[in-house]
Amino acid sequence: MRIGMNPQKQDKPLDLDCHHRIIVVVYVPESDSAFYKHSFEVFKASLTSIKTSINEKAKITIVNNGSNTEVTSYLNECYALKVIDTLINHSTNIGKIDALIGAARGAREPLLTLADSDILFKKGWQEAVEEVFLNFKDVGSVSPISVRASELYCTSATLKRIWLKRLKFRYEAIPENFDDYNKYMDSINWDHETDAQLKWPVVEANAVKALVGSGHQVLTINRQVLFETVPFEPSLILVGNHSEYKYVDEPIDKSGRLRLSTYHNYAYHMGNTVEDWMTAILEDNQTKSVAPIMDFNESLLKKTSFLKSIKRKWYTGKRLLYKTIFLTFYKR
């Protein structure tokens, strides 16, 4: 028997106190493999870089995807100390994409940054990413890692906007990205570029510049994409095997939204070892002042197509029709 009424039912609807959530899946197993030897240190560097580079309008979710006891204890301590807002623990590795998408769909913030556990963030990345969302129309994703040659990867919706002249585009050299881009090439074992004057695919809106295309090691996505074009069935894949393409890259493009990256580089792919230059960035994050919080308007992210409007009206009409028919033939 229930006594009284649950007092929560009398409370007002909840208000979100932030608009941006960073979601990281970490898997560091009990293993003697050299591949995982420094993975814990890399992850700690990544988490520190997130914590020291975001403002009060962003929160952190960590998904522990079956990591070893040392990592699990560290994460529990971080949660207890409120270093992270949300901690999800899986007793076994359920696969990177399933862990990531599951956590993302449970988040309520309109902007969700999906990041590998080896990403190093530079202070200013959050503001740079949000500036792109606020100034370009119908953005699906923005990466803080500037990539020069990804303008043709899962960007058909972006390319369409360009050749229809709805988006200002040109190729231009960005020599200040040269060193950072070669750090990215190092991290994926590709050859260095040698010409700082090579041109980048640049789009512009409201005097704000961005780049066409990105990788998928770290992406800030419009939350609506998760419920429009991302598959609802689990991938059941541990890692790779085109799972990132199917659950992240292709859905962004299929949503009809832009796939962009920041004009200047604000994050790095560390790989599985921490180097001196990475430590220097962590120290720099600690000394730089926090940028002013941007006035974020969530309505700018919403994309309501004519077809969706018709579908909603059709559903409402059907619902009323079926109810009327039922009540006509069936009485209590």
C-alpha atoms as a PDB file:
ATOM      1  CA  MET A   1       0.000   0.000   0.000  1.00  0.00           C
ATOM      2  CA  ARG A   2       1.259   3.480  -0.824  1.00  0.00           C
ATOM      3  CA  ILE A   3       0.998   6.162   1.885  1.00  0.00           C
ATOM      4  CA  GLY A   4       0.809   9.743   0.658  1.00  0.00           C
ATOM      5  CA  MET A   5       2.066  11.194  -2.604  1.00  0.00           C
ATOM      6  CA  ASN A   6       5.632  11.140  -3.879  1.00  0.00           C
ATOM      7  CA  PRO A   7       6.774  14.749  -3.196  1.00  0.00           C
ATOM      8  CA  GLN A   8       8.818  14.776  -6.408  1.00  0.00           C
ATOM      9  CA  LYS A   9       5.585  14.786  -8.415  1.00  0.00           C
ATOM     10  CA  GLN A  10       4.801  18.239  -7.054  1.00  0.00           C
ATOM     11  CA  ASP A  11       8.164  19.682  -8.125  1.00  0.00           C
ATOM     12  CA  LYS A  12       8.524  21.884 -11.187  1.00  0.00           C
ATOM     13  CA  PRO A  13      10.184  20.535 -14.364  1.00  0.00           C
ATOM     14  CA  LEU A  14      13.959  20.332 -14.094  1.00  0.00           C
ATOM     15  CA  ASP A  15      16.121  23.053 -15.604  1.00  0.00           C
ATOM     16  CA  LEU A  16      19.390  22.169 -17.323  1.00  0.00           C
ATOM     17  CA  ASP A  17      22.257  24.063 -15.732  1.00  0.00           C
ATOM     18  CA  CYS A  18      24.625  23.401 -18.625  1.00  0.00           C
ATOM     19  CA  HIS A  19      24.372  22.963 -22.392  1.00  0.00           C
ATOM     20  CA  HIS A  20      27.444  20.876 -23.169  1.00  0.00           C
ATOM     21  CA  ARG A  21      28.531  17.416 -22.020  1.00  0.00           C
ATOM     22  CA  ILE A  22      31.813  15.650 -22.737  1.00  0.00           C
ATOM     23  CA  ILE A  23      31.535  11.849 -22.923  1.00  0.00           C
ATOM     24  CA  VAL A  24      34.630   9.634 -22.831  1.00  0.00           C
ATOM     25  CA  VAL A  25      34.770   5.833 -22.912  1.00  0.00           C
ATOM     26  CA  VAL A  26      37.861   4.352 -21.262  1.00  0.00           C
ATOM     27  CA  TYR A  27      39.078   0.767 -21.466  1.00  0.00           C
ATOM     28  CA  VAL A  28      42.361  -0.154 -19.790  1.00  0.00           C
ATOM     29  CA  PRO A  29      42.329  -3.917 -19.117  1.00  0.00           C
ATOM     30  CA  GLU A  30      44.392  -6.140 -16.853  1.00  0.00           C
ATOM     31  CA  SER A  31      47.015  -6.820 -19.509  1.00  0.00           C
ATOM     32  CA  ASP A  32      50.760  -7.231 -20.004  1.00  0.00           C
ATOM     33  CA  SER A  33      50.478  -5.938 -23.567  1.00  0.00           C
ATOM     34  CA  ALA A  34      52.882  -3.115 -24.403  1.00  0.00           C
ATOM     35  CA  PHE A  35      49.990  -1.390 -26.173  1.00  0.00           C
ATOM     36  CA  TYR A  36      48.261  -0.685 -22.830  1.00  0.00           C
ATOM     37  CA  LYS A  37      51.425  -0.025 -20.790  1.00  0.00           C
ATOM     38  CA  HIS A  38      50.931   3.756 -20.591  1.00  0.00           C
ATOM     39  CA  SER A  39      47.202   3.933 -21.347  1.00  0.00           C
ATOM     40  CA  PHE A  40      46.255   4.893 -17.797  1.00  0.00           C
ATOM     41  CA  GLU A  41      48.683   7.853 -17.823  1.00  0.00           C
ATOM     42  CA  VAL A  42      47.320   8.921 -21.216  1.00  0.00           C
ATOM     43  CA  PHE A  43      43.745   8.813 -19.939  1.00  0.00           C
ATOM     44  CA  LYS A  44      44.621  10.799 -16.811  1.00  0.00           C
ATOM     45  CA  ALA A  45      46.246  13.441 -19.007  1.00  0.00           C
ATOM     46  CA  SER A  46      43.120  13.534 -21.172  1.00  0.00           C
ATOM     47  CA  LEU A  47      40.779  13.901 -18.194  1.00  0.00           C
ATOM     48  CA  THR A  48      42.962  16.620 -16.678  1.00  0.00           C
ATOM     49  CA  SER A  49      42.942  18.506 -19.972  1.00  0.00           C
ATOM     50  CA  ILE A  50      39.142  18.356 -20.101  1.00  0.00           C
ATOM     51  CA  LYS A  51      38.701  19.511 -16.523  1.00  0.00           C
ATOM     52  CA  THR A  52      41.102  22.441 -16.932  1.00  0.00           C
ATOM     53  CA  SER A  53      39.723  23.633 -20.268  1.00  0.00           C
ATOM     54  CA  ILE A  54      35.932  23.678 -19.877  1.00  0.00           C
ATOM     55  CA  ASN A  55      33.712  26.292 -18.282  1.00  0.00           C
ATOM     56  CA  GLU A  56      30.817  25.849 -15.846  1.00  0.00           C
ATOM     57  CA  LYS A  57      28.344  25.237 -18.680  1.00  0.00           C
ATOM     58  CA  ALA A  58      29.919  21.860 -19.496  1.00  0.00           C
ATOM     59  CA  LYS A  59      29.941  18.594 -17.558  1.00  0.00           C
ATOM     60  CA  ILE A  60      31.862  15.347 -17.886  1.00  0.00           C
ATOM     61  CA  THR A  61      30.620  11.764 -18.259  1.00  0.00           C
ATOM     62  CA  ILE A  62      33.133   8.919 -18.096  1.00  0.00           C
ATOM     63  CA  VAL A  63      32.138   5.416 -19.177  1.00  0.00           C
ATOM     64  CA  ASN A  64      34.338   2.776 -17.555  1.00  0.00           C
ATOM     65  CA  ASN A  65      34.105  -0.005 -20.109  1.00  0.00           C
ATOM     66  CA  GLY A  66      35.441  -2.905 -18.041  1.00  0.00           C
ATOM     67  CA  SER A  67      38.783  -1.367 -17.046  1.00  0.00           C
ATOM     68  CA  ASN A  68      41.160  -2.842 -14.471  1.00  0.00           C
ATOM     69  CA  THR A  69      40.850  -2.300 -10.715  1.00  0.00           C
ATOM     70  CA  GLU A  70      43.401   0.543 -10.630  1.00  0.00           C
ATOM     71  CA  VAL A  71      41.514   2.578 -13.228  1.00  0.00           C
ATOM     72  CA  THR A  72      38.165   1.736 -11.632  1.00  0.00           C
ATOM     73  CA  SER A  73      39.372   2.925  -8.209  1.00  0.00           C
ATOM     74  CA  TYR A  74      40.699   6.137  -9.746  1.00  0.00           C
ATOM     75  CA  LEU A  75      37.388   6.823 -11.478  1.00  0.00           C
ATOM     76  CA  ASN A  76      35.383   6.165  -8.319  1.00  0.00           C
ATOM     77  CA  GLU A  77      37.619   8.653  -6.503  1.00  0.00           C
ATOM     78  CA  CYS A  78      37.171  11.242  -9.287  1.00  0.00           C
ATOM     79  CA  TYR A  79      33.414  10.834  -9.009  1.00  0.00           C
ATOM     80  CA  ALA A  80      33.454  11.166  -5.220  1.00  0.00           C
ATOM     81  CA  LEU A  81      35.522  14.359  -5.522  1.00  0.00           C
ATOM     82  CA  LYS A  82      33.151  15.699  -8.213  1.00  0.00           C
ATOM     83  CA  VAL A  83      35.925  15.882 -10.797  1.00  0.00           C
ATOM     84  CA  ILE A  84      33.406  14.193 -13.068  1.00  0.00           C
ATOM     85  CA  ASP A  85      29.644  14.640 -13.019  1.00  0.00           C
ATOM     86  CA  THR A  86      28.579  11.174 -14.183  1.00  0.00           C
ATOM     87  CA  LEU A  87      30.320   7.801 -13.966  1.00  0.00           C
ATOM     88  CA  ILE A  88      28.965   4.743 -15.755  1.00  0.00           C
ATOM     89  CA  ASN A  89      30.602   1.431 -14.817  1.00  0.00           C
ATOM     90  CA  HIS A  90      30.430  -1.682 -16.980  1.00  0.00           C
ATOM     91  CA  SER A  91      31.840  -4.852 -15.436  1.00  0.00           C
ATOM     92  CA  THR A  92      32.969  -6.073 -18.865  1.00  0.00           C
ATOM     93  CA  ASN A  93      33.858  -4.424 -22.161  1.00  0.00           C
ATOM     94  CA  ILE A  94      30.562  -4.034 -24.065  1.00  0.00           C
ATOM     95  CA  GLY A  95      32.232  -2.459 -27.087  1.00  0.00           C
ATOM     96  CA  LYS A  96      33.347   1.117 -27.588  1.00  0.00           C
ATOM     97  CA  ILE A  97      30.467   2.339 -29.774  1.00  0.00           C
ATOM     98  CA  ASP A  98      27.698   0.696 -27.733  1.00  0.00           C
ATOM     99  CA  ALA A  99      29.146   2.208 -24.536  1.00  0.00           C
ATOM    100  CA  LEU A 100      29.507   5.620 -26.174  1.00  0.00           C
ATOM    101  CA  ILE A 101      26.116   5.841 -27.896  1.00  0.00           C
ATOM    102  CA  GLY A 102      24.313   4.441 -24.844  1.00  0.00           C
ATOM    103  CA  ALA A 103      25.788   7.140 -22.619  1.00  0.00           C
ATOM    104  CA  ALA A 104      25.162   9.859 -25.193  1.00  0.00           C
ATOM    105  CA  ARG A 105      21.499   8.961 -25.612  1.00  0.00           C
ATOM    106  CA  GLY A 106      21.075   9.198 -21.853  1.00  0.00           C
ATOM    107  CA  ALA A 107      22.451  12.744 -21.787  1.00  0.00           C
ATOM    108  CA  ARG A 108      20.132  15.754 -21.966  1.00  0.00           C
ATOM    109  CA  GLU A 109      22.465  18.540 -23.065  1.00  0.00           C
ATOM    110  CA  PRO A 110      22.058  19.792 -26.664  1.00  0.00           C
ATOM    111  CA  LEU A 111      25.798  19.598 -27.395  1.00  0.00           C
ATOM    112  CA  LEU A 112      27.615  16.319 -26.778  1.00  0.00           C
ATOM    113  CA  THR A 113      31.349  15.902 -27.262  1.00  0.00           C
ATOM    114  CA  LEU A 114      32.211  12.272 -27.994  1.00  0.00           C
ATOM    115  CA  ALA A 115      35.909  11.729 -27.359  1.00  0.00           C
ATOM    116  CA  ASP A 116      38.400   8.895 -27.310  1.00  0.00           C
ATOM    117  CA  SER A 117      40.286   8.453 -24.039  1.00  0.00           C
ATOM    118  CA  ASP A 118      43.544   9.648 -25.619  1.00  0.00           C
ATOM    119  CA  ILE A 119      42.473  13.167 -26.632  1.00  0.00           C
ATOM    120  CA  LEU A 120      44.336  16.160 -25.200  1.00  0.00           C
ATOM    121  CA  PHE A 121      42.251  19.351 -25.088  1.00  0.00           C
ATOM    122  CA  LYS A 122      43.667  22.862 -25.240  1.00  0.00           C
ATOM    123  CA  LYS A 123      41.948  25.677 -23.347  1.00  0.00           C
ATOM    124  CA  GLY A 124      39.606  27.547 -25.665  1.00  0.00           C
ATOM    125  CA  TRP A 125      38.383  24.458 -27.506  1.00  0.00           C
ATOM    126  CA  GLN A 126      34.883  24.553 -26.016  1.00  0.00           C
ATOM    127  CA  GLU A 127      34.338  28.185 -26.989  1.00  0.00           C
ATOM    128  CA  ALA A 128      35.761  27.632 -30.486  1.00  0.00           C
ATOM    129  CA  VAL A 129      33.466  24.662 -31.121  1.00  0.00           C
ATOM    130  CA  GLU A 130      30.382  26.415 -29.762  1.00  0.00           C
ATOM    131  CA  GLU A 131      31.148  29.501 -31.858  1.00  0.00           C
ATOM    132  CA  VAL A 132      30.833  27.355 -34.996  1.00  0.00           C
ATOM    133  CA  PHE A 133      27.502  25.913 -33.865  1.00  0.00           C
ATOM    134  CA  LEU A 134      26.166  29.382 -33.129  1.00  0.00           C
ATOM    135  CA  ASN A 135      27.207  30.985 -36.415  1.00  0.00           C
ATOM    136  CA  PHE A 136      26.641  28.278 -39.020  1.00  0.00           C
ATOM    137  CA  LYS A 137      23.163  26.992 -39.816  1.00  0.00           C
ATOM    138  CA  ASP A 138      22.289  23.294 -39.370  1.00  0.00           C
ATOM    139  CA  VAL A 139      25.582  22.025 -37.943  1.00  0.00           C
ATOM    140  CA  GLY A 140      25.725  18.312 -37.189  1.00  0.00           C
ATOM    141  CA  SER A 141      29.238  18.076 -35.762  1.00  0.00           C
ATOM    142  CA  VAL A 142      32.350  20.110 -35.063  1.00  0.00           C
ATOM    143  CA  SER A 143      35.751  18.661 -34.200  1.00  0.00           C
ATOM    144  CA  PRO A 144      38.376  20.685 -32.302  1.00  0.00           C
ATOM    145  CA  ILE A 145      41.072  18.812 -34.256  1.00  0.00           C
ATOM    146  CA  SER A 146      41.689  20.691 -37.506  1.00  0.00           C
ATOM    147  CA  VAL A 147      42.161  18.272 -40.403  1.00  0.00           C
ATOM    148  CA  ARG A 148      43.257  19.502 -43.819  1.00  0.00           C
ATOM    149  CA  ALA A 149      42.236  16.698 -46.173  1.00  0.00           C
ATOM    150  CA  SER A 150      38.877  15.303 -44.985  1.00  0.00           C
ATOM    151  CA  GLU A 151      36.511  17.500 -46.976  1.00  0.00           C
ATOM    152  CA  LEU A 152      35.192  14.518 -48.957  1.00  0.00           C
ATOM    153  CA  TYR A 153      34.631  12.086 -46.055  1.00  0.00           C
ATOM    154  CA  CYS A 154      30.956  11.870 -45.014  1.00  0.00           C
ATOM    155  CA  THR A 155      30.348  15.480 -46.028  1.00  0.00           C
ATOM    156  CA  SER A 156      27.839  15.198 -48.888  1.00  0.00           C
ATOM    157  CA  ALA A 157      25.316  17.428 -47.079  1.00  0.00           C
ATOM    158  CA  THR A 158      28.050  20.022 -46.549  1.00  0.00           C
ATOM    159  CA  LEU A 159      29.252  19.828 -50.152  1.00  0.00           C
ATOM    160  CA  LYS A 160      25.684  20.237 -51.397  1.00  0.00           C
ATOM    161  CA  ARG A 161      25.343  23.433 -49.375  1.00  0.00           C
ATOM    162  CA  ILE A 162      28.572  24.712 -50.924  1.00  0.00           C
ATOM    163  CA  TRP A 163      27.732  24.065 -54.577  1.00  0.00           C
ATOM    164  CA  LEU A 164      24.248  25.507 -54.072  1.00  0.00           C
ATOM    165  CA  LYS A 165      26.043  28.696 -52.935  1.00  0.00           C
ATOM    166  CA  ARG A 166      24.376  28.554 -49.512  1.00  0.00           C
ATOM    167  CA  LEU A 167      27.752  28.430 -47.821  1.00  0.00           C
ATOM    168  CA  LYS A 168      30.779  30.614 -48.548  1.00  0.00           C
ATOM    169  CA  PHE A 169      33.773  28.404 -49.417  1.00  0.00           C
ATOM    170  CA  ARG A 170      37.375  28.735 -50.541  1.00  0.00           C
ATOM    171  CA  TYR A 171      40.723  26.978 -50.203  1.00  0.00           C
ATOM    172  CA  GLU A 172      43.312  28.934 -48.234  1.00  0.00           C
ATOM    173  CA  ALA A 173      46.643  28.345 -46.523  1.00  0.00           C
ATOM    174  CA  ILE A 174      46.668  28.293 -42.710  1.00  0.00           C
ATOM    175  CA  PRO A 175      50.391  28.098 -41.865  1.00  0.00           C
ATOM    176  CA  GLU A 176      49.705  28.439 -38.127  1.00  0.00           C
ATOM    177  CA  ASN A 177      48.100  24.959 -38.245  1.00  0.00           C
ATOM    178  CA  PHE A 178      51.209  23.340 -39.745  1.00  0.00           C
ATOM    179  CA  ASP A 179      52.940  22.063 -36.582  1.00  0.00           C
ATOM    180  CA  ASP A 180      49.748  20.880 -34.899  1.00  0.00           C
ATOM    181  CA  TYR A 181      48.631  19.074 -38.034  1.00  0.00           C
ATOM    182  CA  ASN A 182      51.906  17.173 -38.192  1.00  0.00           C
ATOM    183  CA  LYS A 183      51.384  16.131 -34.572  1.00  0.00           C
ATOM    184  CA  TYR A 184      48.054  14.688 -35.711  1.00  0.00           C
ATOM    185  CA  MET A 185      49.758  12.900 -38.628  1.00  0.00           C
ATOM    186  CA  ASP A 186      52.261  11.443 -36.149  1.00  0.00           C
ATOM    187  CA  SER A 187      49.466  10.099 -33.961  1.00  0.00           C
ATOM    188  CA  ILE A 188      47.959   8.074 -36.805  1.00  0.00           C
ATOM    189  CA  ASN A 189      51.358   7.021 -38.220  1.00  0.00           C
ATOM    190  CA  TRP A 190      51.046   9.029 -41.440  1.00  0.00           C
ATOM    191  CA  ASP A 191      53.877  10.930 -43.133  1.00  0.00           C
ATOM    192  CA  HIS A 192      54.504  14.541 -42.174  1.00  0.00           C
ATOM    193  CA  GLU A 193      53.535  17.349 -44.489  1.00  0.00           C
ATOM    194  CA  THR A 194      56.456  19.542 -45.548  1.00  0.00           C
ATOM    195  CA  ASP A 195      54.729  22.592 -47.025  1.00  0.00           C
ATOM    196  CA  ALA A 196      53.122  25.026 -44.585  1.00  0.00           C
ATOM    197  CA  GLN A 197      51.398  26.789 -47.487  1.00  0.00           C
ATOM    198  CA  LEU A 198      49.196  23.855 -48.472  1.00  0.00           C
ATOM    199  CA  LYS A 199      45.578  24.967 -48.645  1.00  0.00           C
ATOM    200  CA  TRP A 200      42.713  24.030 -46.339  1.00  0.00           C
ATOM    201  CA  PRO A 201      38.966  23.760 -47.169  1.00  0.00           C
ATOM    202  CA  VAL A 202      37.483  26.820 -45.447  1.00  0.00           C
ATOM    203  CA  VAL A 203      33.842  27.833 -45.014  1.00  0.00           C
ATOM    204  CA  GLU A 204      32.664  31.084 -43.497  1.00  0.00           C
ATOM    205  CA  ALA A 205      29.467  32.419 -41.919  1.00  0.00           C
ATOM    206  CA  ASN A 206      28.925  35.598 -39.901  1.00  0.00           C
ATOM    207  CA  ALA A 207      32.679  36.335 -40.118  1.00  0.00           C
ATOM    208  CA  VAL A 208      33.443  33.005 -38.394  1.00  0.00           C
ATOM    209  CA  LYS A 209      35.617  30.483 -40.237  1.00  0.00           C
ATOM    210  CA  ALA A 210      35.582  26.684 -40.004  1.00  0.00           C
ATOM    211  CA  LEU A 211      36.944  23.746 -41.991  1.00  0.00           C
ATOM    212  CA  VAL A 212      34.996  21.222 -44.045  1.00  0.00           C
ATOM    213  CA  GLY A 213      35.264  17.690 -42.669  1.00  0.00           C
ATOM    214  CA  SER A 214      36.920  16.065 -39.667  1.00  0.00           C
ATOM    215  CA  GLY A 215      38.119  12.830 -38.183  1.00  0.00           C
ATOM    216  CA  HIS A 216      36.093  10.995 -35.539  1.00  0.00           C
ATOM    217  CA  GLN A 217      38.522  10.732 -32.605  1.00  0.00           C
ATOM    218  CA  VAL A 218      36.704  13.692 -31.045  1.00  0.00           C
ATOM    219  CA  LEU A 219      33.483  15.305 -32.243  1.00  0.00           C
ATOM    220  CA  THR A 220      30.955  17.633 -30.701  1.00  0.00           C
ATOM    221  CA  ILE A 221      27.587  16.632 -32.123  1.00  0.00           C
ATOM    222  CA  ASN A 222      24.100  18.041 -32.151  1.00  0.00           C
ATOM    223  CA  ARG A 223      22.172  15.715 -29.799  1.00  0.00           C
ATOM    224  CA  GLN A 224      19.254  15.473 -32.240  1.00  0.00           C
ATOM    225  CA  VAL A 225      21.395  13.399 -34.621  1.00  0.00           C
ATOM    226  CA  LEU A 226      21.387  10.540 -32.085  1.00  0.00           C
ATOM    227  CA  PHE A 227      17.627  10.156 -32.421  1.00  0.00           C
ATOM    228  CA  GLU A 228      17.273  10.828 -36.138  1.00  0.00           C
ATOM    229  CA  THR A 229      19.847   8.816 -38.084  1.00  0.00           C
ATOM    230  CA  VAL A 230      21.995   6.804 -35.638  1.00  0.00           C
ATOM    231  CA  PRO A 231      20.988   3.102 -35.704  1.00  0.00           C
ATOM    232  CA  PHE A 232      18.971   1.970 -32.691  1.00  0.00           C
ATOM    233  CA  GLU A 233      20.201  -1.631 -32.683  1.00  0.00           C
ATOM    234  CA  PRO A 234      23.489  -2.321 -30.815  1.00  0.00           C
ATOM    235  CA  SER A 235      26.657  -2.708 -32.863  1.00  0.00           C
ATOM    236  CA  LEU A 236      27.971  -5.676 -30.812  1.00  0.00           C
ATOM    237  CA  ILE A 237      31.495  -4.754 -31.972  1.00  0.00           C
ATOM    238  CA  LEU A 238      34.381  -4.255 -29.548  1.00  0.00           C
ATOM    239  CA  VAL A 239      36.158  -1.614 -31.625  1.00  0.00           C
ATOM    240  CA  GLY A 240      36.642  -0.632 -35.257  1.00  0.00           C
ATOM    241  CA  ASN A 241      35.124  -2.776 -38.011  1.00  0.00           C
ATOM    242  CA  HIS A 242      33.422   0.336 -39.466  1.00  0.00           C
ATOM    243  CA  SER A 243      31.407   0.876 -36.260  1.00  0.00           C
ATOM    244  CA  GLU A 244      32.453   4.560 -36.048  1.00  0.00           C
ATOM    245  CA  TYR A 245      31.380   5.034 -39.651  1.00  0.00           C
ATOM    246  CA  LYS A 246      27.980   3.412 -39.147  1.00  0.00           C
ATOM    247  CA  TYR A 247      27.118   5.006 -35.781  1.00  0.00           C
ATOM    248  CA  VAL A 248      28.857   8.395 -35.988  1.00  0.00           C
ATOM    249  CA  ASP A 249      30.162   9.508 -39.373  1.00  0.00           C
ATOM    250  CA  GLU A 250      27.386   8.400 -41.717  1.00  0.00           C
ATOM    251  CA  PRO A 251      24.503   9.492 -39.416  1.00  0.00           C
ATOM    252  CA  ILE A 252      25.863  13.050 -39.231  1.00  0.00           C
ATOM    253  CA  ASP A 253      25.852  13.293 -43.018  1.00  0.00           C
ATOM    254  CA  LYS A 254      22.495  11.513 -43.403  1.00  0.00           C
ATOM    255  CA  SER A 255      20.930  14.054 -41.052  1.00  0.00           C
ATOM    256  CA  GLY A 256      21.535  16.709 -43.709  1.00  0.00           C
ATOM    257  CA  ARG A 257      23.721  18.739 -41.371  1.00  0.00           C
ATOM    258  CA  LEU A 258      27.217  20.175 -41.709  1.00  0.00           C
ATOM    259  CA  ARG A 259      30.323  18.225 -40.695  1.00  0.00           C
ATOM    260  CA  LEU A 260      33.003  20.755 -39.737  1.00  0.00           C
ATOM    261  CA  SER A 261      36.120  21.291 -37.655  1.00  0.00           C
ATOM    262  CA  THR A 262      37.513  24.406 -36.012  1.00  0.00           C
ATOM    263  CA  TYR A 263      39.596  26.770 -38.164  1.00  0.00           C
ATOM    264  CA  HIS A 264      42.518  26.520 -35.730  1.00  0.00           C
ATOM    265  CA  ASN A 265      43.532  23.401 -33.838  1.00  0.00           C
ATOM    266  CA  TYR A 266      42.352  22.999 -30.240  1.00  0.00           C
ATOM    267  CA  ALA A 267      42.906  19.295 -29.481  1.00  0.00           C
ATOM    268  CA  TYR A 268      45.407  16.518 -30.075  1.00  0.00           C
ATOM    269  CA  HIS A 269      45.328  12.761 -30.549  1.00  0.00           C
ATOM    270  CA  MET A 270      47.953  11.493 -28.076  1.00  0.00           C
ATOM    271  CA  GLY A 271      48.112   7.818 -29.019  1.00  0.00           C
ATOM    272  CA  ASN A 272      49.273   5.533 -26.211  1.00  0.00           C
ATOM    273  CA  THR A 273      52.194   7.461 -24.695  1.00  0.00           C
ATOM    274  CA  VAL A 274      52.498  10.855 -23.001  1.00  0.00           C
ATOM    275  CA  GLU A 275      55.197  13.101 -24.474  1.00  0.00           C
ATOM    276  CA  ASP A 276      56.820  16.241 -23.068  1.00  0.00           C
ATOM    277  CA  TRP A 277      54.923  18.604 -25.374  1.00  0.00           C
ATOM    278  CA  MET A 278      51.651  17.169 -24.080  1.00  0.00           C
ATOM    279  CA  THR A 279      52.651  17.906 -20.488  1.00  0.00           C
ATOM    280  CA  ALA A 280      53.490  21.464 -21.562  1.00  0.00           C
ATOM    281  CA  ILE A 281      49.940  21.905 -22.903  1.00  0.00           C
ATOM    282  CA  LEU A 282      48.497  20.662 -19.603  1.00  0.00           C
ATOM    283  CA  GLU A 283      50.602  23.228 -17.760  1.00  0.00           C
ATOM    284  CA  ASP A 284      49.525  25.936 -20.192  1.00  0.00           C
ATOM    285  CA  ASN A 285      45.859  25.089 -19.547  1.00  0.00           C
ATOM    286  CA  GLN A 286      46.417  25.730 -15.852  1.00  0.00           C
ATOM    287  CA  THR A 287      47.840  29.218 -16.411  1.00  0.00           C
ATOM    288  CA  LYS A 288      45.487  30.566 -19.085  1.00  0.00           C
ATOM    289  CA  SER A 289      42.452  32.526 -17.969  1.00  0.00           C
ATOM    290  CA  VAL A 290      38.940  31.214 -18.573  1.00  0.00           C
ATOM    291  CA  ALA A 291      37.173  32.703 -21.602  1.00  0.00           C
ATOM    292  CA  PRO A 292      33.811  34.447 -21.076  1.00  0.00           C
ATOM    293  CA  ILE A 293      30.847  32.059 -21.185  1.00  0.00           C
ATOM    294  CA  MET A 294      29.007  32.273 -24.488  1.00  0.00           C
ATOM    295  CA  ASP A 295      25.288  33.019 -24.580  1.00  0.00           C
ATOM    296  CA  PHE A 296      24.128  29.708 -26.026  1.00  0.00           C
ATOM    297  CA  ASN A 297      20.758  29.524 -27.778  1.00  0.00           C
ATOM    298  CA  GLU A 298      19.630  25.897 -28.032  1.00  0.00           C
ATOM    299  CA  SER A 299      16.938  26.757 -30.586  1.00  0.00           C
ATOM    300  CA  LEU A 300      19.675  27.356 -33.165  1.00  0.00           C
ATOM    301  CA  LEU A 301      20.390  23.608 -33.166  1.00  0.00           C
ATOM    302  CA  LYS A 302      16.847  22.566 -33.983  1.00  0.00           C
ATOM    303  CA  LYS A 303      16.071  21.645 -37.542  1.00  0.00           C
ATOM    304  CA  THR A 304      12.393  21.256 -38.378  1.00  0.00           C
ATOM    305  CA  SER A 305      11.776  20.125 -41.925  1.00  0.00           C
ATOM    306  CA  PHE A 306       8.480  20.531 -43.763  1.00  0.00           C
ATOM    307  CA  LEU A 307       8.209  16.738 -44.066  1.00  0.00           C
ATOM    308  CA  LYS A 308       8.610  16.255 -40.302  1.00  0.00           C
ATOM    309  CA  SER A 309       5.926  18.849 -39.664  1.00  0.00           C
ATOM    310  CA  ILE A 310       3.544  17.007 -41.997  1.00  0.00           C
ATOM    311  CA  LYS A 311       4.322  13.680 -40.288  1.00  0.00           C
ATOM    312  CA  ARG A 312       3.542  15.124 -36.866  1.00  0.00           C
ATOM    313  CA  LYS A 313       0.230  16.556 -38.064  1.00  0.00           C
ATOM    314  CA  TRP A 314      -0.636  13.262 -39.780  1.00  0.00           C
ATOM    315  CA  TYR A 315       0.091  11.338 -36.563  1.00  0.00           C
ATOM    316  CA  THR A 316      -2.088  13.710 -34.520  1.00  0.00           C
ATOM    317  CA  GLY A 317      -4.918  13.353 -37.038  1.00  0.00           C
ATOM    318  CA  LYS A 318      -4.686   9.544 -37.074  1.00  0.00           C
ATOM    319  CA  ARG A 319      -4.685   9.385 -33.295  1.00  0.00           C
ATOM    320  CA  LEU A 320      -7.903  11.409 -33.034  1.00  0.00           C
ATOM    321  CA  LEU A 321      -9.520   9.452 -35.870  1.00  0.00           C
ATOM    322  CA  TYR A 322      -8.753   6.033 -34.379  1.00  0.00           C
ATOM    323  CA  LYS A 323      -9.989   7.132 -30.956  1.00  0.00           C
ATOM    324  CA  THR A 324     -13.265   8.391 -32.463  1.00  0.00           C
ATOM    325  CA  ILE A 325     -13.823   5.161 -34.419  1.00  0.00           C
ATOM    326  CA  PHE A 326     -13.143   3.018 -31.350  1.00  0.00           C
ATOM    327  CA  LEU A 327     -15.565   4.982 -29.142  1.00  0.00           C
ATOM    328  CA  THR A 328     -18.235   4.804 -31.874  1.00  0.00           C
ATOM    329  CA  PHE A 329     -18.332   0.998 -31.861  1.00  0.00           C
ATOM    330  CA  TYR A 330     -17.303   0.096 -28.319  1.00  0.00           C
ATOM    331  CA  LYS A 331     -19.077   1.283 -25.168  1.00  0.00           C
ATOM    332  CA  ARG A 332     -18.522   0.385 -21.523  1.00  0.00           C
END
